């Protein structure tokens, strides 16, 4: 049970880290679009 709990929590942390990285990437893309719009 301890092993399963540790594995589950590790997966949750990994998934959250992936989500945060994806959100950061998407925010970067949004910023790039905003820059293009401002320049135009």
ModelCIF file with pLDDT and N, C-alpha, C, O atoms, coordinates in Angstrom:
data_MODEL
#
_entry.id   MODEL 
#
_entity.id                         1 
_entity.type                       polymer 
_entity.pdbx_number_of_molecules   1 
#
_entity_poly.entity_id                      1 
_entity_poly.type                           'polypeptide(L)' 
_entity_poly.nstd_linkage                   no 
_entity_poly.nstd_monomer                   no 
_entity_poly.pdbx_seq_one_letter_code       
;(UNK)(UNK)(UNK)(UNK)(UNK)(UNK)(UNK)(UNK)(UNK)(UNK)(UNK)(UNK)(UNK)(UNK)(UNK)(UNK)
(UNK)(UNK)(UNK)(UNK)(UNK)(UNK)(UNK)(UNK)(UNK)(UNK)(UNK)(UNK)(UNK)(UNK)(UNK)(UNK)
(UNK)(UNK)(UNK)(UNK)(UNK)(UNK)(UNK)(UNK)
;
_entity_poly.pdbx_seq_one_letter_code_can   XXXXXXXXXXXXXXXXXXXXXXXXXXXXXXXXXXXXXXXX 
_entity_poly.pdbx_strand_id                 A 
#
loop_
_entity_poly_seq.entity_id 
_entity_poly_seq.num 
_entity_poly_seq.mon_id 
_entity_poly_seq.hetero 
1 1  UNK n 
1 2  UNK n 
1 3  UNK n 
1 4  UNK n 
1 5  UNK n 
1 6  UNK n 
1 7  UNK n 
1 8  UNK n 
1 9  UNK n 
1 10 UNK n 
1 11 UNK n 
1 12 UNK n 
1 13 UNK n 
1 14 UNK n 
1 15 UNK n 
1 16 UNK n 
1 17 UNK n 
1 18 UNK n 
1 19 UNK n 
1 20 UNK n 
1 21 UNK n 
1 22 UNK n 
1 23 UNK n 
1 24 UNK n 
1 25 UNK n 
1 26 UNK n 
1 27 UNK n 
1 28 UNK n 
1 29 UNK n 
1 30 UNK n 
1 31 UNK n 
1 32 UNK n 
1 33 UNK n 
1 34 UNK n 
1 35 UNK n 
1 36 UNK n 
1 37 UNK n 
1 38 UNK n 
1 39 UNK n 
1 40 UNK n 
#
_struct_asym.id          A 
_struct_asym.entity_id   1 
#
loop_
_ma_qa_metric.id 
_ma_qa_metric.mode 
_ma_qa_metric.name 
_ma_qa_metric.software_group_id 
_ma_qa_metric.type 
1 global pLDDT . pLDDT 
2 local  pLDDT . pLDDT 
#
_ma_qa_metric_global.metric_id      1 
_ma_qa_metric_global.metric_value   90.15 
_ma_qa_metric_global.model_id       1 
_ma_qa_metric_global.ordinal_id     1 
#
loop_
_ma_qa_metric_local.label_asym_id 
_ma_qa_metric_local.label_comp_id 
_ma_qa_metric_local.label_seq_id 
_ma_qa_metric_local.metric_id 
_ma_qa_metric_local.metric_value 
_ma_qa_metric_local.model_id 
_ma_qa_metric_local.ordinal_id 
A UNK 1  2 75.00 1 1  
A UNK 2  2 71.00 1 2  
A UNK 3  2 72.00 1 3  
A UNK 4  2 81.00 1 4  
A UNK 5  2 78.00 1 5  
A UNK 6  2 79.00 1 6  
A UNK 7  2 80.00 1 7  
A UNK 8  2 82.00 1 8  
A UNK 9  2 75.00 1 9  
A UNK 10 2 81.00 1 10 
A UNK 11 2 83.00 1 11 
A UNK 12 2 81.00 1 12 
A UNK 13 2 84.00 1 13 
A UNK 14 2 89.00 1 14 
A UNK 15 2 83.00 1 15 
A UNK 16 2 90.00 1 16 
A UNK 17 2 93.00 1 17 
A UNK 18 2 92.00 1 18 
A UNK 19 2 92.00 1 19 
A UNK 20 2 95.00 1 20 
A UNK 21 2 96.00 1 21 
A UNK 22 2 95.00 1 22 
A UNK 23 2 97.00 1 23 
A UNK 24 2 97.00 1 24 
A UNK 25 2 97.00 1 25 
A UNK 26 2 97.00 1 26 
A UNK 27 2 97.00 1 27 
A UNK 28 2 98.00 1 28 
A UNK 29 2 98.00 1 29 
A UNK 30 2 98.00 1 30 
A UNK 31 2 98.00 1 31 
A UNK 32 2 98.00 1 32 
A UNK 33 2 98.00 1 33 
A UNK 34 2 98.00 1 34 
A UNK 35 2 98.00 1 35 
A UNK 36 2 98.00 1 36 
A UNK 37 2 98.00 1 37 
A UNK 38 2 98.00 1 38 
A UNK 39 2 98.00 1 39 
A UNK 40 2 98.00 1 40 
#
loop_
_atom_site.group_PDB 
_atom_site.id 
_atom_site.type_symbol 
_atom_site.label_atom_id 
_atom_site.label_alt_id 
_atom_site.label_comp_id 
_atom_site.label_asym_id 
_atom_site.label_entity_id 
_atom_site.label_seq_id 
_atom_site.pdbx_PDB_ins_code 
_atom_site.Cartn_x 
_atom_site.Cartn_y 
_atom_site.Cartn_z 
_atom_site.occupancy 
_atom_site.B_iso_or_equiv 
_atom_site.pdbx_formal_charge 
_atom_site.auth_seq_id 
_atom_site.auth_comp_id 
_atom_site.auth_asym_id 
_atom_site.auth_atom_id 
_atom_site.pdbx_PDB_model_num 
ATOM 1   N N  . UNK A 1 1  ? 0.829  -1.210 0.000   1.00 75.00 ? 1  UNK A N  1 
ATOM 2   C CA . UNK A 1 1  ? 0.000  0.000  0.000   1.00 75.00 ? 1  UNK A CA 1 
ATOM 3   C C  . UNK A 1 1  ? 0.860  1.255  0.000   1.00 75.00 ? 1  UNK A C  1 
ATOM 4   O O  . UNK A 1 1  ? 0.561  2.230  -0.690  1.00 75.00 ? 1  UNK A O  1 
ATOM 5   N N  . UNK A 1 2  ? 1.935  1.216  0.786   1.00 71.00 ? 2  UNK A N  1 
ATOM 6   C CA . UNK A 1 2  ? 2.859  2.365  0.800   1.00 71.00 ? 2  UNK A CA 1 
ATOM 7   C C  . UNK A 1 2  ? 3.472  2.540  -0.584  1.00 71.00 ? 2  UNK A C  1 
ATOM 8   O O  . UNK A 1 2  ? 3.555  3.660  -1.088  1.00 71.00 ? 2  UNK A O  1 
ATOM 9   N N  . UNK A 1 3  ? 3.894  1.464  -1.188  1.00 72.00 ? 3  UNK A N  1 
ATOM 10  C CA . UNK A 1 3  ? 4.480  1.516  -2.532  1.00 72.00 ? 3  UNK A CA 1 
ATOM 11  C C  . UNK A 1 3  ? 3.489  2.046  -3.549  1.00 72.00 ? 3  UNK A C  1 
ATOM 12  O O  . UNK A 1 3  ? 3.846  2.871  -4.390  1.00 72.00 ? 3  UNK A O  1 
ATOM 13  N N  . UNK A 1 4  ? 2.245  1.583  -3.485  1.00 81.00 ? 4  UNK A N  1 
ATOM 14  C CA . UNK A 1 4  ? 1.210  2.067  -4.400  1.00 81.00 ? 4  UNK A CA 1 
ATOM 15  C C  . UNK A 1 4  ? 0.949  3.558  -4.179  1.00 81.00 ? 4  UNK A C  1 
ATOM 16  O O  . UNK A 1 4  ? 0.804  4.317  -5.137  1.00 81.00 ? 4  UNK A O  1 
ATOM 17  N N  . UNK A 1 5  ? 0.890  3.967  -2.915  1.00 78.00 ? 5  UNK A N  1 
ATOM 18  C CA . UNK A 1 5  ? 0.652  5.379  -2.595  1.00 78.00 ? 5  UNK A CA 1 
ATOM 19  C C  . UNK A 1 5  ? 1.782  6.247  -3.139  1.00 78.00 ? 5  UNK A C  1 
ATOM 20  O O  . UNK A 1 5  ? 1.534  7.301  -3.724  1.00 78.00 ? 5  UNK A O  1 
ATOM 21  N N  . UNK A 1 6  ? 3.012  5.806  -2.948  1.00 79.00 ? 6  UNK A N  1 
ATOM 22  C CA . UNK A 1 6  ? 4.161  6.558  -3.453  1.00 79.00 ? 6  UNK A CA 1 
ATOM 23  C C  . UNK A 1 6  ? 4.118  6.621  -4.975  1.00 79.00 ? 6  UNK A C  1 
ATOM 24  O O  . UNK A 1 6  ? 4.377  7.675  -5.556  1.00 79.00 ? 6  UNK A O  1 
ATOM 25  N N  . UNK A 1 7  ? 3.799  5.523  -5.617  1.00 80.00 ? 7  UNK A N  1 
ATOM 26  C CA . UNK A 1 7  ? 3.710  5.507  -7.085  1.00 80.00 ? 7  UNK A CA 1 
ATOM 27  C C  . UNK A 1 7  ? 2.608  6.426  -7.580  1.00 80.00 ? 7  UNK A C  1 
ATOM 28  O O  . UNK A 1 7  ? 2.791  7.162  -8.550  1.00 80.00 ? 7  UNK A O  1 
ATOM 29  N N  . UNK A 1 8  ? 1.460  6.381  -6.910  1.00 82.00 ? 8  UNK A N  1 
ATOM 30  C CA . UNK A 1 8  ? 0.335  7.228  -7.301  1.00 82.00 ? 8  UNK A CA 1 
ATOM 31  C C  . UNK A 1 8  ? 0.695  8.703  -7.153  1.00 82.00 ? 8  UNK A C  1 
ATOM 32  O O  . UNK A 1 8  ? 0.449  9.504  -8.055  1.00 82.00 ? 8  UNK A O  1 
ATOM 33  N N  . UNK A 1 9  ? 1.273  9.048  -6.021  1.00 75.00 ? 9  UNK A N  1 
ATOM 34  C CA . UNK A 1 9  ? 1.658  10.449 -5.784  1.00 75.00 ? 9  UNK A CA 1 
ATOM 35  C C  . UNK A 1 9  ? 2.729  10.899 -6.774  1.00 75.00 ? 9  UNK A C  1 
ATOM 36  O O  . UNK A 1 9  ? 2.709  12.040 -7.236  1.00 75.00 ? 9  UNK A O  1 
ATOM 37  N N  . UNK A 1 10 ? 3.662  10.010 -7.099  1.00 81.00 ? 10 UNK A N  1 
ATOM 38  C CA . UNK A 1 10 ? 4.704  10.350 -8.076  1.00 81.00 ? 10 UNK A CA 1 
ATOM 39  C C  . UNK A 1 10 ? 4.088  10.643 -9.437  1.00 81.00 ? 10 UNK A C  1 
ATOM 40  O O  . UNK A 1 10 ? 4.473  11.602 -10.106 1.00 81.00 ? 10 UNK A O  1 
ATOM 41  N N  . UNK A 1 11 ? 3.127  9.811  -9.846  1.00 83.00 ? 11 UNK A N  1 
ATOM 42  C CA . UNK A 1 11 ? 2.445  10.046 -11.124 1.00 83.00 ? 11 UNK A CA 1 
ATOM 43  C C  . UNK A 1 11 ? 1.684  11.365 -11.099 1.00 83.00 ? 11 UNK A C  1 
ATOM 44  O O  . UNK A 1 11 ? 1.691  12.111 -12.079 1.00 83.00 ? 11 UNK A O  1 
ATOM 45  N N  . UNK A 1 12 ? 1.029  11.650 -9.978  1.00 81.00 ? 12 UNK A N  1 
ATOM 46  C CA . UNK A 1 12 ? 0.280  12.908 -9.867  1.00 81.00 ? 12 UNK A CA 1 
ATOM 47  C C  . UNK A 1 12 ? 1.210  14.111 -9.974  1.00 81.00 ? 12 UNK A C  1 
ATOM 48  O O  . UNK A 1 12 ? 0.898  15.089 -10.653 1.00 81.00 ? 12 UNK A O  1 
ATOM 49  N N  . UNK A 1 13 ? 2.353  14.033 -9.299  1.00 84.00 ? 13 UNK A N  1 
ATOM 50  C CA . UNK A 1 13 ? 3.324  15.131 -9.363  1.00 84.00 ? 13 UNK A CA 1 
ATOM 51  C C  . UNK A 1 13 ? 3.862  15.273 -10.783 1.00 84.00 ? 13 UNK A C  1 
ATOM 52  O O  . UNK A 1 13 ? 3.996  16.388 -11.288 1.00 84.00 ? 13 UNK A O  1 
ATOM 53  N N  . UNK A 1 14 ? 4.166  14.166 -11.420 1.00 89.00 ? 14 UNK A N  1 
ATOM 54  C CA . UNK A 1 14 ? 4.661  14.198 -12.795 1.00 89.00 ? 14 UNK A CA 1 
ATOM 55  C C  . UNK A 1 14 ? 3.613  14.792 -13.736 1.00 89.00 ? 14 UNK A C  1 
ATOM 56  O O  . UNK A 1 14 ? 3.939  15.609 -14.598 1.00 89.00 ? 14 UNK A O  1 
ATOM 57  N N  . UNK A 1 15 ? 2.361  14.381 -13.570 1.00 83.00 ? 15 UNK A N  1 
ATOM 58  C CA . UNK A 1 15 ? 1.287  14.910 -14.409 1.00 83.00 ? 15 UNK A CA 1 
ATOM 59  C C  . UNK A 1 15 ? 1.111  16.410 -14.198 1.00 83.00 ? 15 UNK A C  1 
ATOM 60  O O  . UNK A 1 15 ? 0.915  17.161 -15.153 1.00 83.00 ? 15 UNK A O  1 
ATOM 61  N N  . UNK A 1 16 ? 1.181  16.834 -12.953 1.00 90.00 ? 16 UNK A N  1 
ATOM 62  C CA . UNK A 1 16 ? 1.055  18.270 -12.672 1.00 90.00 ? 16 UNK A CA 1 
ATOM 63  C C  . UNK A 1 16 ? 2.213  19.050 -13.279 1.00 90.00 ? 16 UNK A C  1 
ATOM 64  O O  . UNK A 1 16 ? 2.017  20.143 -13.810 1.00 90.00 ? 16 UNK A O  1 
ATOM 65  N N  . UNK A 1 17 ? 3.406  18.499 -13.204 1.00 93.00 ? 17 UNK A N  1 
ATOM 66  C CA . UNK A 1 17 ? 4.578  19.158 -13.794 1.00 93.00 ? 17 UNK A CA 1 
ATOM 67  C C  . UNK A 1 17 ? 4.416  19.270 -15.306 1.00 93.00 ? 17 UNK A C  1 
ATOM 68  O O  . UNK A 1 17 ? 4.735  20.305 -15.891 1.00 93.00 ? 17 UNK A O  1 
ATOM 69  N N  . UNK A 1 18 ? 3.918  18.201 -15.944 1.00 92.00 ? 18 UNK A N  1 
ATOM 70  C CA . UNK A 1 18 ? 3.674  18.246 -17.391 1.00 92.00 ? 18 UNK A CA 1 
ATOM 71  C C  . UNK A 1 18 ? 2.627  19.299 -17.723 1.00 92.00 ? 18 UNK A C  1 
ATOM 72  O O  . UNK A 1 18 ? 2.780  20.049 -18.688 1.00 92.00 ? 18 UNK A O  1 
ATOM 73  N N  . UNK A 1 19 ? 1.552  19.357 -16.917 1.00 92.00 ? 19 UNK A N  1 
ATOM 74  C CA . UNK A 1 19 ? 0.504  20.354 -17.142 1.00 92.00 ? 19 UNK A CA 1 
ATOM 75  C C  . UNK A 1 19 ? 1.059  21.762 -17.004 1.00 92.00 ? 19 UNK A C  1 
ATOM 76  O O  . UNK A 1 19 ? 0.755  22.637 -17.815 1.00 92.00 ? 19 UNK A O  1 
ATOM 77  N N  . UNK A 1 20 ? 1.877  21.982 -15.969 1.00 95.00 ? 20 UNK A N  1 
ATOM 78  C CA . UNK A 1 20 ? 2.454  23.308 -15.759 1.00 95.00 ? 20 UNK A CA 1 
ATOM 79  C C  . UNK A 1 20 ? 3.368  23.694 -16.918 1.00 95.00 ? 20 UNK A C  1 
ATOM 80  O O  . UNK A 1 20 ? 3.370  24.846 -17.352 1.00 95.00 ? 20 UNK A O  1 
ATOM 81  N N  . UNK A 1 21 ? 4.138  22.743 -17.415 1.00 96.00 ? 21 UNK A N  1 
ATOM 82  C CA . UNK A 1 21 ? 5.019  23.011 -18.552 1.00 96.00 ? 21 UNK A CA 1 
ATOM 83  C C  . UNK A 1 21 ? 4.198  23.350 -19.793 1.00 96.00 ? 21 UNK A C  1 
ATOM 84  O O  . UNK A 1 21 ? 4.551  24.258 -20.545 1.00 96.00 ? 21 UNK A O  1 
ATOM 85  N N  . UNK A 1 22 ? 3.110  22.624 -20.004 1.00 95.00 ? 22 UNK A N  1 
ATOM 86  C CA . UNK A 1 22 ? 2.263  22.897 -21.169 1.00 95.00 ? 22 UNK A CA 1 
ATOM 87  C C  . UNK A 1 22 ? 1.611  24.268 -21.057 1.00 95.00 ? 22 UNK A C  1 
ATOM 88  O O  . UNK A 1 22 ? 1.532  25.004 -22.041 1.00 95.00 ? 22 UNK A O  1 
ATOM 89  N N  . UNK A 1 23 ? 1.142  24.616 -19.853 1.00 97.00 ? 23 UNK A N  1 
ATOM 90  C CA . UNK A 1 23 ? 0.533  25.933 -19.642 1.00 97.00 ? 23 UNK A CA 1 
ATOM 91  C C  . UNK A 1 23 ? 1.560  27.028 -19.899 1.00 97.00 ? 23 UNK A C  1 
ATOM 92  O O  . UNK A 1 23 ? 1.248  28.034 -20.535 1.00 97.00 ? 23 UNK A O  1 
ATOM 93  N N  . UNK A 1 24 ? 2.780  26.839 -19.410 1.00 97.00 ? 24 UNK A N  1 
ATOM 94  C CA . UNK A 1 24 ? 3.832  27.832 -19.642 1.00 97.00 ? 24 UNK A CA 1 
ATOM 95  C C  . UNK A 1 24 ? 4.108  27.978 -21.135 1.00 97.00 ? 24 UNK A C  1 
ATOM 96  O O  . UNK A 1 24 ? 4.284  29.092 -21.627 1.00 97.00 ? 24 UNK A O  1 
ATOM 97  N N  . UNK A 1 25 ? 4.146  26.872 -21.848 1.00 97.00 ? 25 UNK A N  1 
ATOM 98  C CA . UNK A 1 25 ? 4.363  26.908 -23.285 1.00 97.00 ? 25 UNK A CA 1 
ATOM 99  C C  . UNK A 1 25 ? 3.231  27.652 -23.986 1.00 97.00 ? 25 UNK A C  1 
ATOM 100 O O  . UNK A 1 25 ? 3.478  28.484 -24.859 1.00 97.00 ? 25 UNK A O  1 
ATOM 101 N N  . UNK A 1 26 ? 1.996  27.356 -23.607 1.00 97.00 ? 26 UNK A N  1 
ATOM 102 C CA . UNK A 1 26 ? 0.839  28.018 -24.225 1.00 97.00 ? 26 UNK A CA 1 
ATOM 103 C C  . UNK A 1 26 ? 0.832  29.511 -23.921 1.00 97.00 ? 26 UNK A C  1 
ATOM 104 O O  . UNK A 1 26 ? 0.492  30.321 -24.783 1.00 97.00 ? 26 UNK A O  1 
ATOM 105 N N  . UNK A 1 27 ? 1.205  29.876 -22.698 1.00 97.00 ? 27 UNK A N  1 
ATOM 106 C CA . UNK A 1 27 ? 1.286  31.299 -22.351 1.00 97.00 ? 27 UNK A CA 1 
ATOM 107 C C  . UNK A 1 27 ? 2.349  32.004 -23.183 1.00 97.00 ? 27 UNK A C  1 
ATOM 108 O O  . UNK A 1 27 ? 2.170  33.153 -23.585 1.00 97.00 ? 27 UNK A O  1 
ATOM 109 N N  . UNK A 1 28 ? 3.453  31.314 -23.440 1.00 98.00 ? 28 UNK A N  1 
ATOM 110 C CA . UNK A 1 28 ? 4.490  31.872 -24.303 1.00 98.00 ? 28 UNK A CA 1 
ATOM 111 C C  . UNK A 1 28 ? 3.977  32.100 -25.716 1.00 98.00 ? 28 UNK A C  1 
ATOM 112 O O  . UNK A 1 28 ? 4.289  33.114 -26.340 1.00 98.00 ? 28 UNK A O  1 
ATOM 113 N N  . UNK A 1 29 ? 3.196  31.162 -26.215 1.00 98.00 ? 29 UNK A N  1 
ATOM 114 C CA . UNK A 1 29 ? 2.610  31.314 -27.547 1.00 98.00 ? 29 UNK A CA 1 
ATOM 115 C C  . UNK A 1 29 ? 1.614  32.475 -27.575 1.00 98.00 ? 29 UNK A C  1 
ATOM 116 O O  . UNK A 1 29 ? 1.556  33.224 -28.550 1.00 98.00 ? 29 UNK A O  1 
ATOM 117 N N  . UNK A 1 30 ? 0.836  32.617 -26.508 1.00 98.00 ? 30 UNK A N  1 
ATOM 118 C CA . UNK A 1 30 ? -0.113 33.738 -26.417 1.00 98.00 ? 30 UNK A CA 1 
ATOM 119 C C  . UNK A 1 30 ? 0.652  35.054 -26.433 1.00 98.00 ? 30 UNK A C  1 
ATOM 120 O O  . UNK A 1 30 ? 0.257  35.991 -27.126 1.00 98.00 ? 30 UNK A O  1 
ATOM 121 N N  . UNK A 1 31 ? 1.743  35.132 -25.677 1.00 98.00 ? 31 UNK A N  1 
ATOM 122 C CA . UNK A 1 31 ? 2.558  36.353 -25.639 1.00 98.00 ? 31 UNK A CA 1 
ATOM 123 C C  . UNK A 1 31 ? 3.112  36.680 -27.029 1.00 98.00 ? 31 UNK A C  1 
ATOM 124 O O  . UNK A 1 31 ? 3.137  37.842 -27.436 1.00 98.00 ? 31 UNK A O  1 
ATOM 125 N N  . UNK A 1 32 ? 3.549  35.662 -27.742 1.00 98.00 ? 32 UNK A N  1 
ATOM 126 C CA . UNK A 1 32 ? 4.049  35.871 -29.102 1.00 98.00 ? 32 UNK A CA 1 
ATOM 127 C C  . UNK A 1 32 ? 2.946  36.429 -30.003 1.00 98.00 ? 32 UNK A C  1 
ATOM 128 O O  . UNK A 1 32 ? 3.189  37.346 -30.788 1.00 98.00 ? 32 UNK A O  1 
ATOM 129 N N  . UNK A 1 33 ? 1.746  35.882 -29.892 1.00 98.00 ? 33 UNK A N  1 
ATOM 130 C CA . UNK A 1 33 ? 0.613  36.383 -30.683 1.00 98.00 ? 33 UNK A CA 1 
ATOM 131 C C  . UNK A 1 33 ? 0.306  37.830 -30.325 1.00 98.00 ? 33 UNK A C  1 
ATOM 132 O O  . UNK A 1 33 ? 0.047  38.647 -31.209 1.00 98.00 ? 33 UNK A O  1 
ATOM 133 N N  . UNK A 1 34 ? 0.332  38.152 -29.036 1.00 98.00 ? 34 UNK A N  1 
ATOM 134 C CA . UNK A 1 34 ? 0.078  39.527 -28.604 1.00 98.00 ? 34 UNK A CA 1 
ATOM 135 C C  . UNK A 1 34 ? 1.125  40.479 -29.169 1.00 98.00 ? 34 UNK A C  1 
ATOM 136 O O  . UNK A 1 34 ? 0.792  41.593 -29.574 1.00 98.00 ? 34 UNK A O  1 
ATOM 137 N N  . UNK A 1 35 ? 2.388  40.053 -29.201 1.00 98.00 ? 35 UNK A N  1 
ATOM 138 C CA . UNK A 1 35 ? 3.449  40.878 -29.781 1.00 98.00 ? 35 UNK A CA 1 
ATOM 139 C C  . UNK A 1 35 ? 3.206  41.128 -31.263 1.00 98.00 ? 35 UNK A C  1 
ATOM 140 O O  . UNK A 1 35 ? 3.374  42.247 -31.748 1.00 98.00 ? 35 UNK A O  1 
ATOM 141 N N  . UNK A 1 36 ? 2.812  40.081 -31.976 1.00 98.00 ? 36 UNK A N  1 
ATOM 142 C CA . UNK A 1 36 ? 2.525  40.224 -33.408 1.00 98.00 ? 36 UNK A CA 1 
ATOM 143 C C  . UNK A 1 36 ? 1.393  41.225 -33.609 1.00 98.00 ? 36 UNK A C  1 
ATOM 144 O O  . UNK A 1 36 ? 1.476  42.096 -34.475 1.00 98.00 ? 36 UNK A O  1 
ATOM 145 N N  . UNK A 1 37 ? 0.344  41.101 -32.815 1.00 98.00 ? 37 UNK A N  1 
ATOM 146 C CA . UNK A 1 37 ? -0.804 42.003 -32.929 1.00 98.00 ? 37 UNK A CA 1 
ATOM 147 C C  . UNK A 1 37 ? -0.382 43.440 -32.644 1.00 98.00 ? 37 UNK A C  1 
ATOM 148 O O  . UNK A 1 37 ? -0.739 44.352 -33.390 1.00 98.00 ? 37 UNK A O  1 
ATOM 149 N N  . UNK A 1 38 ? 0.384  43.649 -31.554 1.00 98.00 ? 38 UNK A N  1 
ATOM 150 C CA . UNK A 1 38 ? 0.835  45.008 -31.205 1.00 98.00 ? 38 UNK A CA 1 
ATOM 151 C C  . UNK A 1 38 ? 1.661  45.612 -32.339 1.00 98.00 ? 38 UNK A C  1 
ATOM 152 O O  . UNK A 1 38 ? 1.475  46.774 -32.702 1.00 98.00 ? 38 UNK A O  1 
ATOM 153 N N  . UNK A 1 39 ? 2.573  44.814 -32.895 1.00 98.00 ? 39 UNK A N  1 
ATOM 154 C CA . UNK A 1 39 ? 3.428  45.318 -33.973 1.00 98.00 ? 39 UNK A CA 1 
ATOM 155 C C  . UNK A 1 39 ? 2.605  45.672 -35.208 1.00 98.00 ? 39 UNK A C  1 
ATOM 156 O O  . UNK A 1 39 ? 2.859  46.686 -35.858 1.00 98.00 ? 39 UNK A O  1 
ATOM 157 N N  . UNK A 1 40 ? 1.630  44.844 -35.527 1.00 98.00 ? 40 UNK A N  1 
ATOM 158 C CA . UNK A 1 40 ? 0.800  45.114 -36.704 1.00 98.00 ? 40 UNK A CA 1 
ATOM 159 C C  . UNK A 1 40 ? -0.077 46.347 -36.483 1.00 98.00 ? 40 UNK A C  1 
ATOM 160 O O  . UNK A 1 40 ? -0.844 46.726 -37.368 1.00 98.00 ? 40 UNK A O  1 
#
